[in-house]
Amino acid sequence: MITLNQTEKRSLSTIASEIRRDWGSKVNFAAKPYLSAMAGLDTIEDQYGYDSARSIVLYFLSNASSWRGDTAKRIKAELKALAKR
């Protein structure tokens, strides 16, 4: 488990890699395009085409309800905190 203080923020691409490792081949089909987009993003302020990174993260979260467990809970909380900023 990775513990970060408030000044340390992981890139969205790093978070996406951890999600792929944990969720594996069972990524929900509706969450998959948002996870792929996150893999190409660094910060919540980035753009992915015409979409903001914030909207991509929020769409991912809304489509990731089938991803469960301790890692999912921790990463979803991290993404929600990033999206609030």
PDB file of N, CA and C in Angstrom:
ATOM      1  N   MET A   1       0.834  -1.175   0.000  1.00  0.00           N
ATOM      2  CA  MET A   1       0.000   0.000   0.000  1.00  0.00           C
ATOM      3  C   MET A   1       0.880   1.240   0.000  1.00  0.00           C
ATOM      4  N   ILE A   2       0.539   2.197  -0.845  1.00  0.00           N
ATOM      5  CA  ILE A   2       1.303   3.431  -0.961  1.00  0.00           C
ATOM      6  C   ILE A   2       0.609   4.490  -0.125  1.00  0.00           C
ATOM      7  N   THR A   3       1.352   5.147   0.751  1.00  0.00           N
ATOM      8  CA  THR A   3       0.817   6.220   1.564  1.00  0.00           C
ATOM      9  C   THR A   3       1.500   7.510   1.145  1.00  0.00           C
ATOM     10  N   LEU A   4       0.700   8.518   0.825  1.00  0.00           N
ATOM     11  CA  LEU A   4       1.236   9.794   0.377  1.00  0.00           C
ATOM     12  C   LEU A   4       0.798  10.889   1.330  1.00  0.00           C
ATOM     13  N   ASN A   5       1.690  11.850   1.547  1.00  0.00           N
ATOM     14  CA  ASN A   5       1.249  12.997   2.319  1.00  0.00           C
ATOM     15  C   ASN A   5       0.578  13.979   1.364  1.00  0.00           C
ATOM     16  N   GLN A   6       0.060  15.085   1.877  1.00  0.00           N
ATOM     17  CA  GLN A   6      -0.722  15.996   1.052  1.00  0.00           C
ATOM     18  C   GLN A   6       0.090  16.674  -0.042  1.00  0.00           C
ATOM     19  N   THR A   7       1.390  16.776   0.090  1.00  0.00           N
ATOM     20  CA  THR A   7       2.189  17.446  -0.923  1.00  0.00           C
ATOM     21  C   THR A   7       2.591  16.516  -2.058  1.00  0.00           C
ATOM     22  N   GLU A   8       2.453  15.215  -1.867  1.00  0.00           N
ATOM     23  CA  GLU A   8       2.809  14.245  -2.901  1.00  0.00           C
ATOM     24  C   GLU A   8       1.559  13.810  -3.648  1.00  0.00           C
ATOM     25  N   LYS A   9       1.584  13.986  -4.951  1.00  0.00           N
ATOM     26  CA  LYS A   9       0.460  13.559  -5.784  1.00  0.00           C
ATOM     27  C   LYS A   9       0.988  12.644  -6.872  1.00  0.00           C
ATOM     28  N   ARG A  10       0.308  11.529  -7.075  1.00  0.00           N
ATOM     29  CA  ARG A  10       0.699  10.618  -8.136  1.00  0.00           C
ATOM     30  C   ARG A  10       0.068  11.078  -9.439  1.00  0.00           C
ATOM     31  N   SER A  11       0.742  10.777 -10.534  1.00  0.00           N
ATOM     32  CA  SER A  11       0.167  11.123 -11.836  1.00  0.00           C
ATOM     33  C   SER A  11      -1.014  10.204 -12.112  1.00  0.00           C
ATOM     34  N   LEU A  12      -1.913  10.672 -12.947  1.00  0.00           N
ATOM     35  CA  LEU A  12      -3.067   9.854 -13.318  1.00  0.00           C
ATOM     36  C   LEU A  12      -2.622   8.608 -14.064  1.00  0.00           C
ATOM     37  N   SER A  13      -1.545   8.721 -14.832  1.00  0.00           N
ATOM     38  CA  SER A  13      -1.051   7.535 -15.550  1.00  0.00           C
ATOM     39  C   SER A  13      -0.529   6.482 -14.576  1.00  0.00           C
ATOM     40  N   THR A  14       0.099   6.904 -13.495  1.00  0.00           N
ATOM     41  CA  THR A  14       0.580   5.973 -12.466  1.00  0.00           C
ATOM     42  C   THR A  14      -0.606   5.301 -11.775  1.00  0.00           C
ATOM     43  N   ILE A  15      -1.632   6.084 -11.478  1.00  0.00           N
ATOM     44  CA  ILE A  15      -2.824   5.539 -10.844  1.00  0.00           C
ATOM     45  C   ILE A  15      -3.500   4.545 -11.789  1.00  0.00           C
ATOM     46  N   ALA A  16      -3.592   4.894 -13.072  1.00  0.00           N
ATOM     47  CA  ALA A  16      -4.209   3.995 -14.063  1.00  0.00           C
ATOM     48  C   ALA A  16      -3.460   2.665 -14.140  1.00  0.00           C
ATOM     49  N   SER A  17      -2.139   2.709 -14.058  1.00  0.00           N
ATOM     50  CA  SER A  17      -1.344   1.472 -14.079  1.00  0.00           C
ATOM     51  C   SER A  17      -1.673   0.588 -12.883  1.00  0.00           C
ATOM     52  N   GLU A  18      -1.824   1.202 -11.722  1.00  0.00           N
ATOM     53  CA  GLU A  18      -2.160   0.424 -10.530  1.00  0.00           C
ATOM     54  C   GLU A  18      -3.567  -0.167 -10.641  1.00  0.00           C
ATOM     55  N   ILE A  19      -4.486   0.590 -11.213  1.00  0.00           N
ATOM     56  CA  ILE A  19      -5.843   0.083 -11.406  1.00  0.00           C
ATOM     57  C   ILE A  19      -5.814  -1.132 -12.320  1.00  0.00           C
ATOM     58  N   ARG A  20      -5.090  -1.040 -13.427  1.00  0.00           N
ATOM     59  CA  ARG A  20      -4.997  -2.170 -14.369  1.00  0.00           C
ATOM     60  C   ARG A  20      -4.392  -3.409 -13.702  1.00  0.00           C
ATOM     61  N   ARG A  21      -3.355  -3.203 -12.881  1.00  0.00           N
ATOM     62  CA  ARG A  21      -2.741  -4.340 -12.171  1.00  0.00           C
ATOM     63  C   ARG A  21      -3.741  -4.990 -11.220  1.00  0.00           C
ATOM     64  N   ASP A  22      -4.520  -4.162 -10.524  1.00  0.00           N
ATOM     65  CA  ASP A  22      -5.439  -4.709  -9.524  1.00  0.00           C
ATOM     66  C   ASP A  22      -6.712  -5.273 -10.148  1.00  0.00           C
ATOM     67  N   TRP A  23      -7.305  -4.567 -11.080  1.00  0.00           N
ATOM     68  CA  TRP A  23      -8.582  -4.976 -11.673  1.00  0.00           C
ATOM     69  C   TRP A  23      -8.375  -6.064 -12.724  1.00  0.00           C
ATOM     70  N   GLY A  24      -7.214  -6.073 -13.332  1.00  0.00           N
ATOM     71  CA  GLY A  24      -6.873  -7.130 -14.276  1.00  0.00           C
ATOM     72  C   GLY A  24      -7.706  -7.117 -15.543  1.00  0.00           C
ATOM     73  N   SER A  25      -8.018  -8.285 -16.029  1.00  0.00           N
ATOM     74  CA  SER A  25      -8.728  -8.414 -17.300  1.00  0.00           C
ATOM     75  C   SER A  25     -10.234  -8.220 -17.150  1.00  0.00           C
ATOM     76  N   LYS A  26     -10.704  -7.994 -15.940  1.00  0.00           N
ATOM     77  CA  LYS A  26     -12.141  -7.868 -15.699  1.00  0.00           C
ATOM     78  C   LYS A  26     -12.613  -6.416 -15.632  1.00  0.00           C
ATOM     79  N   VAL A  27     -11.830  -5.486 -16.210  1.00  0.00           N
ATOM     80  CA  VAL A  27     -12.217  -4.078 -16.219  1.00  0.00           C
ATOM     81  C   VAL A  27     -13.573  -3.952 -16.907  1.00  0.00           C
ATOM     82  N   ASN A  28     -14.480  -3.265 -16.277  1.00  0.00           N
ATOM     83  CA  ASN A  28     -15.811  -3.046 -16.827  1.00  0.00           C
ATOM     84  C   ASN A  28     -15.693  -2.360 -18.189  1.00  0.00           C
ATOM     85  N   PHE A  29     -16.464  -2.836 -19.174  1.00  0.00           N
ATOM     86  CA  PHE A  29     -16.379  -2.305 -20.530  1.00  0.00           C
ATOM     87  C   PHE A  29     -16.665  -0.806 -20.579  1.00  0.00           C
ATOM     88  N   ALA A  30     -17.528  -0.308 -19.700  1.00  0.00           N
ATOM     89  CA  ALA A  30     -17.864   1.114 -19.688  1.00  0.00           C
ATOM     90  C   ALA A  30     -16.766   1.958 -19.046  1.00  0.00           C
ATOM     91  N   ALA A  31     -15.957   1.374 -18.170  1.00  0.00           N
ATOM     92  CA  ALA A  31     -14.865   2.097 -17.514  1.00  0.00           C
ATOM     93  C   ALA A  31     -13.587   2.060 -18.343  1.00  0.00           C
ATOM     94  N   LYS A  32     -13.469   1.067 -19.225  1.00  0.00           N
ATOM     95  CA  LYS A  32     -12.238   0.843 -19.976  1.00  0.00           C
ATOM     96  C   LYS A  32     -11.756   2.059 -20.781  1.00  0.00           C
ATOM     97  N   PRO A  33     -12.616   2.765 -21.534  1.00  0.00           N
ATOM     98  CA  PRO A  33     -12.103   3.915 -22.296  1.00  0.00           C
ATOM     99  C   PRO A  33     -11.590   5.039 -21.397  1.00  0.00           C
ATOM    100  N   TYR A  34     -12.200   5.208 -20.241  1.00  0.00           N
ATOM    101  CA  TYR A  34     -11.756   6.253 -19.311  1.00  0.00           C
ATOM    102  C   TYR A  34     -10.442   5.861 -18.642  1.00  0.00           C
ATOM    103  N   LEU A  35     -10.277   4.585 -18.352  1.00  0.00           N
ATOM    104  CA  LEU A  35      -9.023   4.093 -17.799  1.00  0.00           C
ATOM    105  C   LEU A  35      -7.901   4.263 -18.826  1.00  0.00           C
ATOM    106  N   SER A  36      -8.195   3.972 -20.086  1.00  0.00           N
ATOM    107  CA  SER A  36      -7.200   4.160 -21.148  1.00  0.00           C
ATOM    108  C   SER A  36      -6.827   5.631 -21.286  1.00  0.00           C
ATOM    109  N   ALA A  37      -7.804   6.508 -21.199  1.00  0.00           N
ATOM    110  CA  ALA A  37      -7.521   7.940 -21.282  1.00  0.00           C
ATOM    111  C   ALA A  37      -6.669   8.394 -20.100  1.00  0.00           C
ATOM    112  N   MET A  38      -6.973   7.896 -18.906  1.00  0.00           N
ATOM    113  CA  MET A  38      -6.195   8.263 -17.719  1.00  0.00           C
ATOM    114  C   MET A  38      -4.734   7.858 -17.864  1.00  0.00           C
ATOM    115  N   ALA A  39      -4.485   6.774 -18.598  1.00  0.00           N
ATOM    116  CA  ALA A  39      -3.110   6.307 -18.795  1.00  0.00           C
ATOM    117  C   ALA A  39      -2.268   7.322 -19.565  1.00  0.00           C
ATOM    118  N   GLY A  40      -2.914   8.224 -20.286  1.00  0.00           N
ATOM    119  CA  GLY A  40      -2.193   9.237 -21.040  1.00  0.00           C
ATOM    120  C   GLY A  40      -2.193  10.603 -20.382  1.00  0.00           C
ATOM    121  N   LEU A  41      -2.617  10.673 -19.123  1.00  0.00           N
ATOM    122  CA  LEU A  41      -2.709  11.955 -18.423  1.00  0.00           C
ATOM    123  C   LEU A  41      -1.738  12.029 -17.256  1.00  0.00           C
ATOM    124  N   ASP A  42      -1.342  13.244 -16.954  1.00  0.00           N
ATOM    125  CA  ASP A  42      -0.449  13.454 -15.821  1.00  0.00           C
ATOM    126  C   ASP A  42      -1.210  14.024 -14.627  1.00  0.00           C
ATOM    127  N   THR A  43      -1.812  15.194 -14.813  1.00  0.00           N
ATOM    128  CA  THR A  43      -2.494  15.859 -13.692  1.00  0.00           C
ATOM    129  C   THR A  43      -3.977  16.008 -13.972  1.00  0.00           C
ATOM    130  N   ILE A  44      -4.715  16.358 -12.943  1.00  0.00           N
ATOM    131  CA  ILE A  44      -6.158  16.572 -13.042  1.00  0.00           C
ATOM    132  C   ILE A  44      -6.463  17.807 -13.881  1.00  0.00           C
ATOM    133  N   GLU A  45      -5.471  18.642 -14.134  1.00  0.00           N
ATOM    134  CA  GLU A  45      -5.648  19.860 -14.925  1.00  0.00           C
ATOM    135  C   GLU A  45      -5.417  19.626 -16.417  1.00  0.00           C
ATOM    136  N   ASP A  46      -4.987  18.430 -16.807  1.00  0.00           N
ATOM    137  CA  ASP A  46      -4.700  18.123 -18.212  1.00  0.00           C
ATOM    138  C   ASP A  46      -5.980  18.033 -19.043  1.00  0.00           C
ATOM    139  N   GLN A  47      -5.782  18.020 -20.336  1.00  0.00           N
ATOM    140  CA  GLN A  47      -6.858  17.811 -21.301  1.00  0.00           C
ATOM    141  C   GLN A  47      -6.585  16.532 -22.070  1.00  0.00           C
ATOM    142  N   TYR A  48      -7.633  15.843 -22.441  1.00  0.00           N
ATOM    143  CA  TYR A  48      -7.549  14.660 -23.295  1.00  0.00           C
ATOM    144  C   TYR A  48      -8.501  14.922 -24.447  1.00  0.00           C
ATOM    145  N   GLY A  49      -7.965  15.419 -25.544  1.00  0.00           N
ATOM    146  CA  GLY A  49      -8.820  15.878 -26.637  1.00  0.00           C
ATOM    147  C   GLY A  49      -9.638  17.056 -26.154  1.00  0.00           C
ATOM    148  N   TYR A  50     -10.953  16.953 -26.279  1.00  0.00           N
ATOM    149  CA  TYR A  50     -11.838  18.022 -25.816  1.00  0.00           C
ATOM    150  C   TYR A  50     -12.296  17.827 -24.374  1.00  0.00           C
ATOM    151  N   ASP A  51     -11.895  16.734 -23.756  1.00  0.00           N
ATOM    152  CA  ASP A  51     -12.330  16.425 -22.392  1.00  0.00           C
ATOM    153  C   ASP A  51     -11.273  16.799 -21.368  1.00  0.00           C
ATOM    154  N   SER A  52     -11.728  17.266 -20.226  1.00  0.00           N
ATOM    155  CA  SER A  52     -10.807  17.562 -19.132  1.00  0.00           C
ATOM    156  C   SER A  52     -10.461  16.268 -18.404  1.00  0.00           C
ATOM    157  N   ALA A  53      -9.303  16.246 -17.800  1.00  0.00           N
ATOM    158  CA  ALA A  53      -8.906  15.087 -17.000  1.00  0.00           C
ATOM    159  C   ALA A  53      -9.904  14.879 -15.863  1.00  0.00           C
ATOM    160  N   ARG A  54     -10.393  15.970 -15.311  1.00  0.00           N
ATOM    161  CA  ARG A  54     -11.367  15.882 -14.219  1.00  0.00           C
ATOM    162  C   ARG A  54     -12.619  15.125 -14.679  1.00  0.00           C
ATOM    163  N   SER A  55     -13.134  15.451 -15.855  1.00  0.00           N
ATOM    164  CA  SER A  55     -14.337  14.759 -16.334  1.00  0.00           C
ATOM    165  C   SER A  55     -14.045  13.287 -16.620  1.00  0.00           C
ATOM    166  N   ILE A  56     -12.868  12.990 -17.129  1.00  0.00           N
ATOM    167  CA  ILE A  56     -12.494  11.593 -17.393  1.00  0.00           C
ATOM    168  C   ILE A  56     -12.444  10.810 -16.089  1.00  0.00           C
ATOM    169  N   VAL A  57     -11.850  11.387 -15.057  1.00  0.00           N
ATOM    170  CA  VAL A  57     -11.782  10.726 -13.751  1.00  0.00           C
ATOM    171  C   VAL A  57     -13.185  10.501 -13.199  1.00  0.00           C
ATOM    172  N   LEU A  58     -14.037  11.509 -13.300  1.00  0.00           N
ATOM    173  CA  LEU A  58     -15.398  11.371 -12.775  1.00  0.00           C
ATOM    174  C   LEU A  58     -16.197  10.322 -13.557  1.00  0.00           C
ATOM    175  N   TYR A  59     -16.046  10.292 -14.870  1.00  0.00           N
ATOM    176  CA  TYR A  59     -16.720   9.258 -15.666  1.00  0.00           C
ATOM    177  C   TYR A  59     -16.173   7.872 -15.325  1.00  0.00           C
ATOM    178  N   PHE A  60     -14.854   7.779 -15.129  1.00  0.00           N
ATOM    179  CA  PHE A  60     -14.289   6.495 -14.724  1.00  0.00           C
ATOM    180  C   PHE A  60     -14.925   6.034 -13.417  1.00  0.00           C
ATOM    181  N   LEU A  61     -14.961   6.927 -12.428  1.00  0.00           N
ATOM    182  CA  LEU A  61     -15.519   6.564 -11.127  1.00  0.00           C
ATOM    183  C   LEU A  61     -16.985   6.131 -11.232  1.00  0.00           C
ATOM    184  N   SER A  62     -17.737   6.786 -12.076  1.00  0.00           N
ATOM    185  CA  SER A  62     -19.150   6.425 -12.202  1.00  0.00           C
ATOM    186  C   SER A  62     -19.342   5.069 -12.886  1.00  0.00           C
ATOM    187  N   ASN A  63     -18.329   4.611 -13.620  1.00  0.00           N
ATOM    188  CA  ASN A  63     -18.420   3.326 -14.317  1.00  0.00           C
ATOM    189  C   ASN A  63     -17.596   2.223 -13.656  1.00  0.00           C
ATOM    190  N   ALA A  64     -17.020   2.519 -12.495  1.00  0.00           N
ATOM    191  CA  ALA A  64     -16.131   1.554 -11.839  1.00  0.00           C
ATOM    192  C   ALA A  64     -16.744   0.945 -10.579  1.00  0.00           C
ATOM    193  N   SER A  65     -18.050   0.935 -10.493  1.00  0.00           N
ATOM    194  CA  SER A  65     -18.688   0.409  -9.274  1.00  0.00           C
ATOM    195  C   SER A  65     -18.457  -1.087  -9.076  1.00  0.00           C
ATOM    196  N   SER A  66     -18.170  -1.812 -10.148  1.00  0.00           N
ATOM    197  CA  SER A  66     -17.927  -3.256  -9.996  1.00  0.00           C
ATOM    198  C   SER A  66     -16.504  -3.570  -9.526  1.00  0.00           C
ATOM    199  N   TRP A  67     -15.631  -2.570  -9.505  1.00  0.00           N
ATOM    200  CA  TRP A  67     -14.264  -2.756  -9.007  1.00  0.00           C
ATOM    201  C   TRP A  67     -14.312  -2.581  -7.496  1.00  0.00           C
ATOM    202  N   ARG A  68     -13.964  -3.647  -6.770  1.00  0.00           N
ATOM    203  CA  ARG A  68     -14.092  -3.640  -5.312  1.00  0.00           C
ATOM    204  C   ARG A  68     -12.821  -4.125  -4.648  1.00  0.00           C
ATOM    205  N   GLY A  69     -12.777  -3.938  -3.358  1.00  0.00           N
ATOM    206  CA  GLY A  69     -11.642  -4.379  -2.556  1.00  0.00           C
ATOM    207  C   GLY A  69     -10.916  -3.204  -1.936  1.00  0.00           C
ATOM    208  N   ASP A  70      -9.902  -3.522  -1.138  1.00  0.00           N
ATOM    209  CA  ASP A  70      -9.154  -2.479  -0.426  1.00  0.00           C
ATOM    210  C   ASP A  70      -8.438  -1.522  -1.375  1.00  0.00           C
ATOM    211  N   THR A  71      -7.809  -2.063  -2.409  1.00  0.00           N
ATOM    212  CA  THR A  71      -7.098  -1.217  -3.368  1.00  0.00           C
ATOM    213  C   THR A  71      -8.080  -0.315  -4.095  1.00  0.00           C
ATOM    214  N   ALA A  72      -9.203  -0.857  -4.515  1.00  0.00           N
ATOM    215  CA  ALA A  72     -10.216  -0.069  -5.210  1.00  0.00           C
ATOM    216  C   ALA A  72     -10.726   1.059  -4.321  1.00  0.00           C
ATOM    217  N   LYS A  73     -10.993   0.748  -3.080  1.00  0.00           N
ATOM    218  CA  LYS A  73     -11.501   1.751  -2.141  1.00  0.00           C
ATOM    219  C   LYS A  73     -10.487   2.886  -1.957  1.00  0.00           C
ATOM    220  N   ARG A  74      -9.221   2.521  -1.799  1.00  0.00           N
ATOM    221  CA  ARG A  74      -8.170   3.521  -1.596  1.00  0.00           C
ATOM    222  C   ARG A  74      -7.992   4.397  -2.829  1.00  0.00           C
ATOM    223  N   ILE A  75      -7.939   3.774  -4.007  1.00  0.00           N
ATOM    224  CA  ILE A  75      -7.698   4.537  -5.227  1.00  0.00           C
ATOM    225  C   ILE A  75      -8.915   5.391  -5.590  1.00  0.00           C
ATOM    226  N   LYS A  76     -10.105   4.873  -5.394  1.00  0.00           N
ATOM    227  CA  LYS A  76     -11.297   5.678  -5.660  1.00  0.00           C
ATOM    228  C   LYS A  76     -11.315   6.917  -4.766  1.00  0.00           C
ATOM    229  N   ALA A  77     -10.930   6.769  -3.512  1.00  0.00           N
ATOM    230  CA  ALA A  77     -10.860   7.919  -2.604  1.00  0.00           C
ATOM    231  C   ALA A  77      -9.806   8.919  -3.089  1.00  0.00           C
ATOM    232  N   GLU A  78      -8.670   8.404  -3.561  1.00  0.00           N
ATOM    233  CA  GLU A  78      -7.615   9.273  -4.088  1.00  0.00           C
ATOM    234  C   GLU A  78      -8.121  10.042  -5.316  1.00  0.00           C
ATOM    235  N   LEU A  79      -8.807   9.360  -6.218  1.00  0.00           N
ATOM    236  CA  LEU A  79      -9.319  10.008  -7.424  1.00  0.00           C
ATOM    237  C   LEU A  79     -10.405  11.037  -7.083  1.00  0.00           C
ATOM    238  N   LYS A  80     -11.265  10.707  -6.136  1.00  0.00           N
ATOM    239  CA  LYS A  80     -12.304  11.664  -5.720  1.00  0.00           C
ATOM    240  C   LYS A  80     -11.677  12.921  -5.135  1.00  0.00           C
ATOM    241  N   ALA A  81     -10.629  12.736  -4.334  1.00  0.00           N
ATOM    242  CA  ALA A  81      -9.944  13.892  -3.743  1.00  0.00           C
ATOM    243  C   ALA A  81      -9.287  14.750  -4.830  1.00  0.00           C
ATOM    244  N   LEU A  82      -8.686  14.101  -5.830  1.00  0.00           N
ATOM    245  CA  LEU A  82      -8.085  14.844  -6.942  1.00  0.00           C
ATOM    246  C   LEU A  82      -9.148  15.620  -7.722  1.00  0.00           C
ATOM    247  N   ALA A  83     -10.282  15.004  -7.965  1.00  0.00           N
ATOM    248  CA  ALA A  83     -11.339  15.635  -8.749  1.00  0.00           C
ATOM    249  C   ALA A  83     -11.964  16.821  -8.026  1.00  0.00           C
ATOM    250  N   LYS A  84     -11.918  16.811  -6.709  1.00  0.00           N
ATOM    251  CA  LYS A  84     -12.470  17.920  -5.920  1.00  0.00           C
ATOM    252  C   LYS A  84     -11.614  19.170  -5.986  1.00  0.00           C
ATOM    253  N   ARG A  85     -10.341  19.016  -6.278  1.00  0.00           N
ATOM    254  CA  ARG A  85      -9.426  20.156  -6.245  1.00  0.00           C
ATOM    255  C   ARG A  85      -9.712  21.145  -7.322  1.00  0.00           C
TER     256      ARG A  85
END
